[in-house]
Every structure is written in structure tokens, then in C-alpha cells.
Amino acid sequence: MNNQILNFLRENAFFLIVLSAIVLAFVFLRTKGDDLASMDEFEARISAGQPVVVEFYSNA
């Protein structure tokens, strides 16, 4: 059993490394959502007199 696992890891090492790199890149580079509860809270934040960066995203 242990020998089978080691053989699998040796045969697929490159694929597993690439797959791990893609997953790690997604986790660390993704844009996280904000904690705004409502549109009123959003409007209050953008009209508070402080500079605000607003990022729009469309999945269409």
C-alpha cells in the first residue's frame, strides 16, 4: 500500500506541483468580497469624504 502511494507521487509529481501552484495562486490572489450589508451602507461609505476605490465585476 505504501509503495503504491510513493509510486503514484513519483509518477505524477509534476502534475501535482502545477495543480498545487494553481490552487495557491487562486487562494492568495483572488479578490475577496467586502462586508457591506446593504446598499445604504455602501452609499454612506462612498459619501463619507474619504477616497474610495470601487471595483465592478460582471460574470456575464
N, C-alpha and C. Protein backbone atom coordinates (compact mmCIF):
# COMPACT_ATOMS: atom_id res chain seq x y z
N MET A 1 0.83 -1.20 0.00
CA MET A 1 0.00 0.00 0.00
C MET A 1 0.87 1.26 0.00
N ASN A 2 1.84 1.32 0.90
CA ASN A 2 2.72 2.48 0.99
C ASN A 2 3.54 2.64 -0.28
N ASN A 3 3.95 1.52 -0.87
CA ASN A 3 4.71 1.53 -2.10
C ASN A 3 3.89 2.09 -3.27
N GLN A 4 2.60 1.77 -3.29
CA GLN A 4 1.72 2.26 -4.34
C GLN A 4 1.57 3.78 -4.26
N ILE A 5 1.46 4.29 -3.06
CA ILE A 5 1.33 5.74 -2.88
C ILE A 5 2.60 6.45 -3.33
N LEU A 6 3.75 5.92 -2.96
CA LEU A 6 5.02 6.53 -3.37
C LEU A 6 5.19 6.49 -4.88
N ASN A 7 4.81 5.39 -5.51
CA ASN A 7 4.88 5.30 -6.97
C ASN A 7 3.96 6.31 -7.63
N PHE A 8 2.75 6.46 -7.09
CA PHE A 8 1.81 7.44 -7.64
C PHE A 8 2.38 8.85 -7.54
N LEU A 9 2.96 9.18 -6.39
CA LEU A 9 3.53 10.51 -6.20
C LEU A 9 4.72 10.75 -7.13
N ARG A 10 5.54 9.75 -7.33
CA ARG A 10 6.69 9.89 -8.25
C ARG A 10 6.24 10.09 -9.69
N GLU A 11 5.24 9.32 -10.11
CA GLU A 11 4.77 9.39 -11.49
C GLU A 11 4.03 10.68 -11.79
N ASN A 12 3.38 11.26 -10.80
CA ASN A 12 2.54 12.43 -11.01
C ASN A 12 3.06 13.67 -10.30
N ALA A 13 4.32 13.72 -9.97
CA ALA A 13 4.88 14.83 -9.19
C ALA A 13 4.71 16.16 -9.91
N PHE A 14 5.03 16.22 -11.20
CA PHE A 14 4.93 17.48 -11.93
C PHE A 14 3.49 17.99 -11.96
N PHE A 15 2.56 17.10 -12.27
CA PHE A 15 1.15 17.47 -12.31
C PHE A 15 0.68 17.97 -10.94
N LEU A 16 1.05 17.28 -9.88
CA LEU A 16 0.64 17.69 -8.54
C LEU A 16 1.23 19.03 -8.13
N ILE A 17 2.46 19.30 -8.54
CA ILE A 17 3.09 20.59 -8.24
C ILE A 17 2.38 21.72 -8.99
N VAL A 18 2.09 21.50 -10.27
CA VAL A 18 1.39 22.52 -11.06
C VAL A 18 -0.01 22.76 -10.50
N LEU A 19 -0.71 21.70 -10.17
CA LEU A 19 -2.05 21.83 -9.61
C LEU A 19 -2.01 22.57 -8.27
N SER A 20 -1.05 22.27 -7.44
CA SER A 20 -0.90 22.96 -6.15
C SER A 20 -0.59 24.44 -6.36
N ALA A 21 0.25 24.76 -7.34
CA ALA A 21 0.58 26.16 -7.62
C ALA A 21 -0.64 26.93 -8.09
N ILE A 22 -1.48 26.31 -8.91
CA ILE A 22 -2.69 26.97 -9.38
C ILE A 22 -3.65 27.23 -8.22
N VAL A 23 -3.82 26.25 -7.37
CA VAL A 23 -4.72 26.41 -6.21
C VAL A 23 -4.20 27.49 -5.27
N LEU A 24 -2.91 27.48 -4.99
CA LEU A 24 -2.33 28.50 -4.11
C LEU A 24 -2.44 29.90 -4.72
N ALA A 25 -2.21 30.01 -6.02
CA ALA A 25 -2.34 31.31 -6.69
C ALA A 25 -3.77 31.81 -6.58
N PHE A 26 -4.74 30.93 -6.77
CA PHE A 26 -6.14 31.34 -6.65
C PHE A 26 -6.45 31.83 -5.24
N VAL A 27 -6.01 31.09 -4.25
CA VAL A 27 -6.32 31.44 -2.86
C VAL A 27 -5.69 32.77 -2.46
N PHE A 28 -4.44 33.00 -2.86
CA PHE A 28 -3.75 34.21 -2.41
C PHE A 28 -3.99 35.42 -3.30
N LEU A 29 -4.37 35.24 -4.56
CA LEU A 29 -4.51 36.37 -5.47
C LEU A 29 -5.95 36.78 -5.75
N ARG A 30 -6.92 36.06 -5.24
CA ARG A 30 -8.31 36.39 -5.55
C ARG A 30 -8.74 37.65 -4.82
N THR A 31 -9.74 38.30 -5.36
CA THR A 31 -10.31 39.49 -4.75
C THR A 31 -11.39 39.06 -3.78
N LYS A 32 -11.23 39.39 -2.54
CA LYS A 32 -12.20 39.00 -1.53
C LYS A 32 -13.35 40.00 -1.51
N GLY A 33 -14.51 39.53 -1.18
CA GLY A 33 -15.68 40.39 -1.09
C GLY A 33 -15.60 41.31 0.12
N ASP A 34 -16.41 42.33 0.09
CA ASP A 34 -16.44 43.27 1.20
C ASP A 34 -17.53 42.87 2.19
N ASP A 35 -17.55 43.51 3.33
CA ASP A 35 -18.51 43.16 4.37
C ASP A 35 -19.66 44.15 4.44
N LEU A 36 -20.01 44.78 3.33
CA LEU A 36 -21.13 45.71 3.31
C LEU A 36 -22.44 44.94 3.37
N ALA A 37 -23.32 45.36 4.27
CA ALA A 37 -24.57 44.63 4.46
C ALA A 37 -25.68 45.10 3.53
N SER A 38 -25.62 46.37 3.11
CA SER A 38 -26.71 46.89 2.28
C SER A 38 -26.19 47.98 1.36
N MET A 39 -27.06 48.38 0.45
CA MET A 39 -26.73 49.46 -0.47
C MET A 39 -26.61 50.79 0.28
N ASP A 40 -27.40 50.96 1.33
CA ASP A 40 -27.32 52.19 2.13
C ASP A 40 -25.95 52.32 2.80
N GLU A 41 -25.41 51.22 3.28
CA GLU A 41 -24.08 51.24 3.89
C GLU A 41 -23.01 51.57 2.85
N PHE A 42 -23.18 51.04 1.63
CA PHE A 42 -22.26 51.36 0.54
C PHE A 42 -22.29 52.85 0.22
N GLU A 43 -23.48 53.40 0.09
CA GLU A 43 -23.61 54.83 -0.22
C GLU A 43 -23.05 55.70 0.90
N ALA A 44 -23.23 55.29 2.14
CA ALA A 44 -22.67 56.04 3.27
C ALA A 44 -21.15 56.02 3.23
N ARG A 45 -20.59 54.89 2.85
CA ARG A 45 -19.13 54.77 2.82
C ARG A 45 -18.53 55.61 1.69
N ILE A 46 -19.17 55.64 0.52
CA ILE A 46 -18.58 56.39 -0.59
C ILE A 46 -18.83 57.89 -0.47
N SER A 47 -19.78 58.30 0.36
CA SER A 47 -20.04 59.73 0.51
C SER A 47 -19.51 60.26 1.84
N ALA A 48 -18.57 59.56 2.46
CA ALA A 48 -18.05 59.96 3.77
C ALA A 48 -16.92 60.97 3.68
N GLY A 49 -16.49 61.35 2.48
CA GLY A 49 -15.43 62.33 2.34
C GLY A 49 -14.04 61.73 2.23
N GLN A 50 -13.92 60.43 2.30
CA GLN A 50 -12.64 59.73 2.16
C GLN A 50 -12.56 59.15 0.74
N PRO A 51 -11.35 59.10 0.17
CA PRO A 51 -11.21 58.45 -1.14
C PRO A 51 -11.57 56.97 -1.05
N VAL A 52 -12.29 56.50 -2.08
CA VAL A 52 -12.77 55.12 -2.10
C VAL A 52 -12.48 54.52 -3.47
N VAL A 53 -12.01 53.29 -3.50
CA VAL A 53 -11.83 52.56 -4.75
C VAL A 53 -13.01 51.60 -4.88
N VAL A 54 -13.73 51.73 -5.99
CA VAL A 54 -14.87 50.85 -6.25
C VAL A 54 -14.52 49.98 -7.44
N GLU A 55 -14.61 48.67 -7.26
CA GLU A 55 -14.28 47.72 -8.33
C GLU A 55 -15.55 47.01 -8.76
N PHE A 56 -15.85 47.08 -10.06
CA PHE A 56 -17.03 46.41 -10.59
C PHE A 56 -16.62 45.10 -11.24
N TYR A 57 -17.47 44.10 -11.08
CA TYR A 57 -17.20 42.79 -11.67
C TYR A 57 -18.49 42.27 -12.30
N SER A 58 -18.38 41.78 -13.50
CA SER A 58 -19.52 41.17 -14.17
C SER A 58 -19.14 39.78 -14.61
N ASN A 59 -19.97 38.83 -14.29
CA ASN A 59 -19.71 37.44 -14.66
C ASN A 59 -20.43 37.08 -15.95
N ALA A 60 -20.88 38.07 -16.67
CA ALA A 60 -21.63 37.81 -17.90
C ALA A 60 -20.73 37.80 -19.11
